[in-house]
């Protein structure tokens, strides 16, 4: 299929290019002392990760440890309530550790093992990436440092406890807004000092090349499974697919299975409290081109060009930029990026819980909310939502701030 001059039959052969660019987005804007480390990781990815032994071991881990494939569920009661459109969910909440994050963490940690590294370093916002990497580190016997903003530590206490139980060292980040951006800053600073013995396992399709490509490829299993399962279940492709987008790892993997199909694709960003700068984290809708954390993309900026303060009720979405591939697909028009605010996401959190017995992560609830809205607009057809994680981590926060609806 061709779309605006791009042949999606060969898309993955050409994007990113050899320098890590998706069009004008991506690249590796890094300090000289990290260039050798990035070259080492890139070389390892294109050699080790393409070997039969690595692929075979990762597939075994997916099957025997992660519990893949995760199912696709028909949201029958919710569909009946809306009327006309049939809603389905790809159940990444049933992946081991409760979210999609383990898909790339097991791949990254396995790569670290093959490279002879002793430690994995990462950032986390909602804590799901931190839990997943702590799990992977425990599985492979690696040391693990997780950097997390103090605001998110308070919001995500269950996940902080899980990381510590799994043996990870949780490093509290207190500077700035003390959320996801600051955690990434701190993790990169630590990695620059330890890269000879450690590997940085970024939590999304962000950062310098090869991370956006590598994380997308490890997450491709979500879209690959979802497409096959949906066709087997219904006999046809969905009319639309929907996923939440912060940095964009769950969406990148999910979308990758459908980019070459005649399917409408929607990426949903957090509108937070509203469109005022500082009240949301909808970089693709309100941002402009800029470089941060080693990559060029679309980001939210203040007047001097520095990253703007951002906010979302979902800790995993409050980041002032988005992955470079999302910026590319946004400009291309292949994916439509839209927004959902806090209140709509919380309403969807309770709606899915009550109607289907599935408590979604607040991040995922943004996609659920948009899926419901889209279904009402479509009238007929089908839509598949990527349920990127479960909401156990969010229950205390939701009850404290919103009560039981």
Protein backbone atom coordinates (compact mmCIF):
# COMPACT_ATOMS: atom_id res chain seq x y z
CA UNK A 1 0.00 0.00 0.00
CA UNK A 2 1.24 3.50 -0.84
CA UNK A 3 0.36 6.54 1.24
CA UNK A 4 1.54 10.05 0.34
CA UNK A 5 4.41 8.64 -1.68
CA UNK A 6 5.57 6.13 0.97
CA UNK A 7 5.46 2.46 -0.03
CA UNK A 8 4.47 0.61 3.13
CA UNK A 9 5.31 -2.74 1.52
CA UNK A 10 8.98 -1.83 2.08
CA UNK A 11 8.55 0.70 4.90
CA UNK A 12 10.56 -1.16 7.53
CA UNK A 13 13.53 -1.56 5.18
CA UNK A 14 13.86 2.20 4.79
CA UNK A 15 12.66 3.69 8.11
CA UNK A 16 14.69 4.53 9.98
CA UNK A 17 17.59 5.10 7.60
CA UNK A 18 21.19 4.18 8.40
CA UNK A 19 21.56 7.30 10.59
CA UNK A 20 18.38 6.64 12.51
CA UNK A 21 16.09 9.14 10.78
CA UNK A 22 12.39 8.83 10.01
CA UNK A 23 12.30 11.58 7.42
CA UNK A 24 13.74 14.56 9.30
CA UNK A 25 13.02 13.12 12.75
CA UNK A 26 15.27 10.93 14.85
CA UNK A 27 19.06 10.81 14.67
CA UNK A 28 21.53 10.72 17.56
CA UNK A 29 22.27 14.08 19.19
CA UNK A 30 24.61 12.89 21.91
CA UNK A 31 27.76 13.90 23.75
CA UNK A 32 31.05 12.64 22.28
CA UNK A 33 31.65 10.35 25.26
CA UNK A 34 28.45 8.42 24.42
CA UNK A 35 29.03 8.03 20.68
CA UNK A 36 31.11 4.90 21.12
CA UNK A 37 28.43 3.40 23.38
CA UNK A 38 25.70 4.07 20.82
CA UNK A 39 27.80 2.53 18.05
CA UNK A 40 28.35 -0.54 20.22
CA UNK A 41 24.62 -0.95 20.87
CA UNK A 42 23.76 -0.37 17.21
CA UNK A 43 26.28 -2.95 16.04
CA UNK A 44 25.10 -5.45 18.65
CA UNK A 45 21.47 -4.96 17.63
CA UNK A 46 22.17 -5.53 13.92
CA UNK A 47 24.31 -8.60 14.60
CA UNK A 48 23.32 -10.35 17.83
CA UNK A 49 19.58 -9.60 17.65
CA UNK A 50 19.35 -10.91 14.10
CA UNK A 51 20.97 -14.23 14.97
CA UNK A 52 18.97 -17.45 15.05
CA UNK A 53 20.09 -18.12 18.63
CA UNK A 54 18.92 -14.72 19.95
CA UNK A 55 15.58 -14.87 18.13
CA UNK A 56 14.94 -18.43 19.26
CA UNK A 57 15.69 -17.59 22.90
CA UNK A 58 13.52 -14.46 22.84
CA UNK A 59 10.61 -16.40 21.32
CA UNK A 60 10.94 -19.03 24.04
CA UNK A 61 10.93 -16.31 26.71
CA UNK A 62 7.85 -14.71 25.16
CA UNK A 63 6.02 -18.03 25.22
CA UNK A 64 7.20 -19.59 28.49
CA UNK A 65 7.81 -16.56 30.72
CA UNK A 66 5.74 -13.66 29.41
CA UNK A 67 2.67 -15.72 28.55
CA UNK A 68 2.44 -14.59 24.94
CA UNK A 69 0.47 -14.39 22.80
CA UNK A 70 -1.88 -12.13 24.75
CA UNK A 71 -5.50 -12.46 23.58
CA UNK A 72 -7.85 -10.14 21.75
CA UNK A 73 -11.14 -9.74 23.65
CA UNK A 74 -14.49 -8.70 22.21
CA UNK A 75 -15.91 -5.94 24.43
CA UNK A 76 -19.40 -7.20 23.86
CA UNK A 77 -21.36 -5.46 26.62
CA UNK A 78 -19.67 -2.12 25.95
CA UNK A 79 -20.32 -2.52 22.21
CA UNK A 80 -24.00 -3.27 22.86
CA UNK A 81 -24.31 -0.20 25.07
CA UNK A 82 -22.81 2.04 22.38
CA UNK A 83 -24.68 0.32 19.55
CA UNK A 84 -23.54 -0.36 15.98
CA UNK A 85 -19.76 -0.61 16.27
CA UNK A 86 -18.04 -3.69 17.69
CA UNK A 87 -15.16 -2.84 20.04
CA UNK A 88 -12.26 -5.19 20.69
CA UNK A 89 -9.17 -4.95 22.92
CA UNK A 90 -5.67 -6.32 22.50
CA UNK A 91 -4.96 -7.46 26.06
CA UNK A 92 -1.44 -6.33 26.89
CA UNK A 93 -2.69 -6.03 30.47
CA UNK A 94 -2.40 -9.85 30.49
CA UNK A 95 1.28 -9.78 29.51
CA UNK A 96 3.48 -10.72 32.50
CA UNK A 97 3.97 -7.69 34.81
CA UNK A 98 0.71 -6.21 33.54
CA UNK A 99 1.71 -4.11 30.53
CA UNK A 100 3.39 -4.10 27.14
CA UNK A 101 6.68 -2.88 28.59
CA UNK A 102 8.12 -6.35 29.19
CA UNK A 103 8.14 -6.94 25.43
CA UNK A 104 11.11 -4.66 24.89
CA UNK A 105 12.63 -5.05 28.35
CA UNK A 106 13.22 -8.78 27.87
CA UNK A 107 14.73 -8.02 24.47
CA UNK A 108 16.98 -5.28 25.82
CA UNK A 109 18.08 -7.32 28.84
CA UNK A 110 18.78 -10.35 26.66
CA UNK A 111 20.91 -8.10 24.45
CA UNK A 112 22.75 -6.84 27.56
CA UNK A 113 23.47 -10.44 28.52
CA UNK A 114 24.88 -11.23 25.07
CA UNK A 115 27.00 -8.06 25.20
CA UNK A 116 28.47 -9.06 28.55
CA UNK A 117 27.00 -6.12 30.48
CA UNK A 118 26.49 -6.38 34.23
CA UNK A 119 23.85 -3.70 34.79
CA UNK A 120 20.75 -2.23 33.16
CA UNK A 121 19.78 1.42 33.71
CA UNK A 122 16.42 3.00 32.94
CA UNK A 123 13.88 5.67 33.74
CA UNK A 124 10.22 5.14 34.53
CA UNK A 125 7.11 7.29 34.84
CA UNK A 126 4.07 5.17 35.67
CA UNK A 127 6.42 2.48 36.93
CA UNK A 128 5.44 -0.19 34.40
CA UNK A 129 8.72 0.10 32.52
CA UNK A 130 10.61 0.04 35.81
CA UNK A 131 8.78 -3.08 36.96
CA UNK A 132 9.31 -4.75 33.60
CA UNK A 133 13.03 -3.99 33.53
CA UNK A 134 13.45 -5.05 37.17
CA UNK A 135 11.73 -8.31 36.21
CA UNK A 136 14.03 -8.79 33.22
CA UNK A 137 17.10 -8.00 35.34
CA UNK A 138 16.04 -10.57 37.94
CA UNK A 139 15.45 -13.15 35.18
CA UNK A 140 18.94 -12.66 33.72
CA UNK A 141 20.80 -11.95 36.98
CA UNK A 142 21.69 -8.35 36.17
CA UNK A 143 22.00 -5.32 38.45
CA UNK A 144 19.25 -2.75 37.88
CA UNK A 145 19.02 1.00 38.59
CA UNK A 146 15.64 2.67 37.96
CA UNK A 147 15.38 6.47 38.01
CA UNK A 148 11.94 7.82 38.93
CA UNK A 149 10.64 11.29 39.73
CA UNK A 150 9.49 11.90 43.30
CA UNK A 151 6.02 12.95 42.09
CA UNK A 152 5.59 9.64 40.29
CA UNK A 153 6.99 7.68 43.23
CA UNK A 154 4.15 9.03 45.36
CA UNK A 155 1.52 8.34 42.67
CA UNK A 156 2.75 4.85 41.84
CA UNK A 157 3.62 3.34 45.22
CA UNK A 158 2.57 -0.24 44.27
CA UNK A 159 4.98 -0.28 41.33
CA UNK A 160 7.78 1.20 43.43
CA UNK A 161 7.29 -1.65 45.91
CA UNK A 162 7.33 -4.21 43.09
CA UNK A 163 10.61 -2.85 41.73
CA UNK A 164 12.26 -3.06 45.14
CA UNK A 165 10.94 -6.59 45.77
CA UNK A 166 12.42 -7.61 42.42
CA UNK A 167 15.81 -6.34 43.55
CA UNK A 168 16.03 -3.05 41.66
CA UNK A 169 17.63 0.08 43.09
CA UNK A 170 15.00 2.84 42.75
CA UNK A 171 16.72 6.22 42.53
CA UNK A 172 14.45 9.16 43.43
CA UNK A 173 14.78 12.20 41.17
CA UNK A 174 13.83 15.45 42.90
CA UNK A 175 14.92 18.26 40.56
CA UNK A 176 12.64 20.20 38.20
CA UNK A 177 9.08 18.89 38.04
CA UNK A 178 10.36 15.54 39.35
CA UNK A 179 8.45 13.52 36.75
CA UNK A 180 9.32 11.51 33.63
CA UNK A 181 11.49 14.05 31.80
CA UNK A 182 13.70 14.57 34.83
CA UNK A 183 13.95 10.81 35.33
CA UNK A 184 15.21 10.44 31.74
CA UNK A 185 17.76 13.25 32.34
CA UNK A 186 19.09 11.52 35.44
CA UNK A 187 19.21 8.08 33.82
CA UNK A 188 21.20 9.39 30.84
CA UNK A 189 23.65 11.15 33.18
CA UNK A 190 24.19 7.91 35.07
CA UNK A 191 24.61 5.90 31.89
CA UNK A 192 27.27 8.30 30.60
CA UNK A 193 29.39 7.34 33.63
CA UNK A 194 28.72 3.58 33.50
CA UNK A 195 28.30 2.67 29.85
CA UNK A 196 31.27 0.30 29.77
CA UNK A 197 29.58 -2.09 32.22
CA UNK A 198 25.92 -1.13 31.73
CA UNK A 199 23.33 -0.72 29.00
CA UNK A 200 20.64 1.96 28.98
CA UNK A 201 17.23 0.38 28.43
CA UNK A 202 15.02 3.28 27.43
CA UNK A 203 11.33 2.84 28.17
CA UNK A 204 9.84 4.03 24.91
CA UNK A 205 10.52 4.72 21.22
CA UNK A 206 12.62 7.72 22.28
CA UNK A 207 16.23 8.74 22.62
CA UNK A 208 19.13 8.56 20.19
CA UNK A 209 19.36 5.95 17.45
CA UNK A 210 19.08 2.93 17.70
CA UNK A 211 16.57 3.06 20.60
CA UNK A 212 13.45 4.23 18.69
CA UNK A 213 13.96 1.47 16.13
CA UNK A 214 14.99 -1.19 18.64
CA UNK A 215 12.05 -0.63 20.99
CA UNK A 216 9.58 -0.53 18.07
CA UNK A 217 10.94 -3.81 16.73
CA UNK A 218 10.72 -5.54 20.11
CA UNK A 219 7.13 -4.23 20.43
CA UNK A 220 6.19 -5.34 16.90
CA UNK A 221 4.97 -8.60 18.42
CA UNK A 222 1.87 -6.73 19.67
CA UNK A 223 0.74 -5.57 16.24
CA UNK A 224 1.75 -8.84 14.60
CA UNK A 225 -0.31 -10.89 17.05
CA UNK A 226 -3.26 -8.48 17.04
CA UNK A 227 -3.63 -8.51 13.26
CA UNK A 228 -3.51 -12.29 13.02
CA UNK A 229 -5.87 -12.77 15.98
CA UNK A 230 -8.43 -10.24 14.75
CA UNK A 231 -8.60 -11.76 11.27
CA UNK A 232 -8.92 -15.25 12.75
CA UNK A 233 -11.65 -14.07 15.13
CA UNK A 234 -13.73 -12.03 12.67
CA UNK A 235 -12.61 -12.94 9.16
CA UNK A 236 -11.59 -9.37 8.32
CA UNK A 237 -9.42 -6.48 9.41
CA UNK A 238 -10.68 -3.87 11.89
CA UNK A 239 -11.91 -0.61 10.40
CA UNK A 240 -9.90 1.34 12.96
CA UNK A 241 -7.24 0.78 15.60
CA UNK A 242 -6.53 3.00 18.61
CA UNK A 243 -3.62 3.32 21.08
CA UNK A 244 -2.47 5.90 23.62
CA UNK A 245 0.71 7.87 22.87
CA UNK A 246 3.13 9.41 25.34
CA UNK A 247 6.58 8.49 24.16
CA UNK A 248 4.73 5.94 22.10
CA UNK A 249 6.13 2.42 22.55
CA UNK A 250 2.83 0.55 22.81
CA UNK A 251 1.43 2.47 19.85
CA UNK A 252 4.53 2.00 17.70
CA UNK A 253 4.44 -1.76 18.15
CA UNK A 254 0.68 -1.98 17.71
CA UNK A 255 0.57 0.28 14.65
CA UNK A 256 3.43 -1.57 12.96
CA UNK A 257 1.22 -4.58 12.36
CA UNK A 258 -1.33 -2.51 10.39
CA UNK A 259 0.59 0.25 8.59
CA UNK A 260 0.35 -1.56 5.26
CA UNK A 261 -3.39 -2.26 5.61
CA UNK A 262 -6.46 -0.17 4.69
CA UNK A 263 -7.11 0.53 8.37
CA UNK A 264 -7.65 3.92 10.03
CA UNK A 265 -5.05 4.42 12.78
CA UNK A 266 -5.46 6.73 15.78
CA UNK A 267 -2.84 7.74 18.33
CA UNK A 268 -4.24 9.40 21.44
CA UNK A 269 -2.29 11.96 23.44
CA UNK A 270 -3.12 13.33 26.93
CA UNK A 271 -4.95 16.67 26.93
CA UNK A 272 -4.75 16.70 30.72
CA UNK A 273 -6.58 19.71 32.19
CA UNK A 274 -6.80 21.61 28.89
CA UNK A 275 -4.96 23.20 25.96
CA UNK A 276 -2.94 25.73 28.01
CA UNK A 277 0.82 25.05 27.97
CA UNK A 278 1.69 23.22 31.17
CA UNK A 279 -1.75 21.64 31.51
CA UNK A 280 -1.24 18.81 29.01
CA UNK A 281 1.37 16.62 27.30
CA UNK A 282 -0.02 16.60 23.75
CA UNK A 283 3.22 17.30 21.90
CA UNK A 284 2.11 16.17 18.45
CA UNK A 285 -1.02 18.33 18.56
CA UNK A 286 0.48 21.48 20.07
CA UNK A 287 4.26 21.14 19.71
CA UNK A 288 6.90 22.01 17.12
CA UNK A 289 10.17 20.51 15.93
CA UNK A 290 12.91 20.31 18.52
CA UNK A 291 15.73 18.22 19.98
CA UNK A 292 15.77 16.70 23.45
CA UNK A 293 17.19 13.56 25.02
CA UNK A 294 19.30 12.86 21.95
CA UNK A 295 16.65 12.86 19.21
CA UNK A 296 14.80 15.30 16.96
CA UNK A 297 11.01 15.15 17.02
CA UNK A 298 7.95 17.28 17.75
CA UNK A 299 8.03 18.65 21.28
CA UNK A 300 6.39 21.12 23.60
CA UNK A 301 8.67 24.12 24.21
CA UNK A 302 8.78 27.34 26.17
CA UNK A 303 9.96 30.60 24.55
CA UNK A 304 13.68 29.84 24.87
CA UNK A 305 13.25 26.48 23.12
CA UNK A 306 13.68 24.36 26.24
CA UNK A 307 11.17 21.55 26.94
CA UNK A 308 7.96 22.88 28.44
CA UNK A 309 6.47 21.65 31.70
CA UNK A 310 3.83 19.01 31.02
CA UNK A 311 1.04 17.33 32.92
CA UNK A 312 -1.24 14.31 32.65
CA UNK A 313 -3.21 12.27 35.14
CA UNK A 314 -1.35 9.33 33.56
CA UNK A 315 2.26 9.27 34.76
CA UNK A 316 3.33 7.24 31.73
CA UNK A 317 2.13 9.92 29.29
CA UNK A 318 3.50 13.14 30.84
CA UNK A 319 6.48 13.61 28.53
CA UNK A 320 7.10 16.80 26.47
CA UNK A 321 7.88 15.02 23.19
CA UNK A 322 6.98 11.91 21.24
CA UNK A 323 8.96 9.25 19.42
CA UNK A 324 10.44 10.38 16.08
CA UNK A 325 8.51 7.74 14.13
CA UNK A 326 5.25 9.12 15.53
CA UNK A 327 6.30 12.62 14.39
CA UNK A 328 7.00 11.20 10.93
CA UNK A 329 3.68 9.34 10.71
CA UNK A 330 1.93 12.48 12.00
CA UNK A 331 3.39 14.67 9.24
CA UNK A 332 2.74 11.96 6.67
CA UNK A 333 -0.90 11.71 7.74
CA UNK A 334 -0.83 7.91 7.95
CA UNK A 335 -1.79 8.10 11.63
CA UNK A 336 -4.30 10.59 13.00
CA UNK A 337 -3.23 11.91 16.40
CA UNK A 338 -5.93 13.28 18.67
CA UNK A 339 -6.39 14.03 22.38
CA UNK A 340 -8.34 12.87 25.42
CA UNK A 341 -8.47 14.82 28.69
CA UNK A 342 -8.16 13.62 32.28
CA UNK A 343 -11.89 13.48 33.01
CA UNK A 344 -12.69 11.51 29.84
CA UNK A 345 -9.93 9.03 30.65
CA UNK A 346 -11.16 8.53 34.22
CA UNK A 347 -14.74 8.04 32.97
CA UNK A 348 -13.45 5.36 30.58
CA UNK A 349 -11.44 3.78 33.42
CA UNK A 350 -14.67 3.15 35.31
CA UNK A 351 -16.75 2.33 32.23
CA UNK A 352 -14.47 -0.49 31.09
CA UNK A 353 -14.18 -1.78 34.65
CA UNK A 354 -17.94 -1.93 35.17
CA UNK A 355 -18.98 -3.10 31.70
CA UNK A 356 -16.27 -5.66 30.99
CA UNK A 357 -14.54 -6.55 34.26
CA UNK A 358 -11.25 -5.08 33.01
CA UNK A 359 -9.55 -2.36 35.07
CA UNK A 360 -7.30 -0.49 32.61
CA UNK A 361 -4.21 1.56 33.32
CA UNK A 362 -5.04 5.28 33.17
CA UNK A 363 -2.71 5.50 30.16
CA UNK A 364 -4.75 2.83 28.36
CA UNK A 365 -8.00 4.49 29.47
CA UNK A 366 -7.14 7.39 27.13
CA UNK A 367 -7.34 4.93 24.21
CA UNK A 368 -10.51 3.36 25.59
CA UNK A 369 -12.15 6.78 25.90
CA UNK A 370 -11.27 7.63 22.32
CA UNK A 371 -12.41 4.21 21.11
CA UNK A 372 -15.83 4.81 22.67
CA UNK A 373 -16.02 8.29 21.14
CA UNK A 374 -14.92 6.99 17.74
CA UNK A 375 -17.45 4.16 17.83
CA UNK A 376 -20.28 6.64 18.34
CA UNK A 377 -19.06 8.63 15.32
CA UNK A 378 -18.53 5.57 13.08
CA UNK A 379 -22.01 4.15 13.52
CA UNK A 380 -21.08 0.70 12.16
CA UNK A 381 -17.94 -1.39 11.76
CA UNK A 382 -15.24 -2.45 14.21
CA UNK A 383 -12.45 -0.87 16.21
CA UNK A 384 -9.52 -2.53 18.00
CA UNK A 385 -8.06 -0.78 21.05
CA UNK A 386 -4.60 -1.56 22.40
CA UNK A 387 -5.14 -2.06 26.12
CA UNK A 388 -1.50 -1.38 26.94
CA UNK A 389 -1.66 -2.11 30.68
CA UNK A 390 -3.77 -2.94 33.70
CA UNK A 391 -4.87 -0.46 36.33
CA UNK A 392 -3.78 -2.08 39.59
CA UNK A 393 -1.07 0.57 39.93
CA UNK A 394 -3.65 3.37 39.60
CA UNK A 395 -6.46 2.25 41.90
CA UNK A 396 -5.30 4.00 45.09
CA UNK A 397 -4.65 7.24 43.19
CA UNK A 398 -8.01 7.14 41.39
CA UNK A 399 -9.96 6.43 44.57
CA UNK A 400 -8.13 9.18 46.49
CA UNK A 401 -8.63 11.86 43.81
CA UNK A 402 -11.87 10.80 42.09
CA UNK A 403 -13.66 8.48 44.50
CA UNK A 404 -15.74 5.51 43.38
CA UNK A 405 -18.07 6.50 40.55
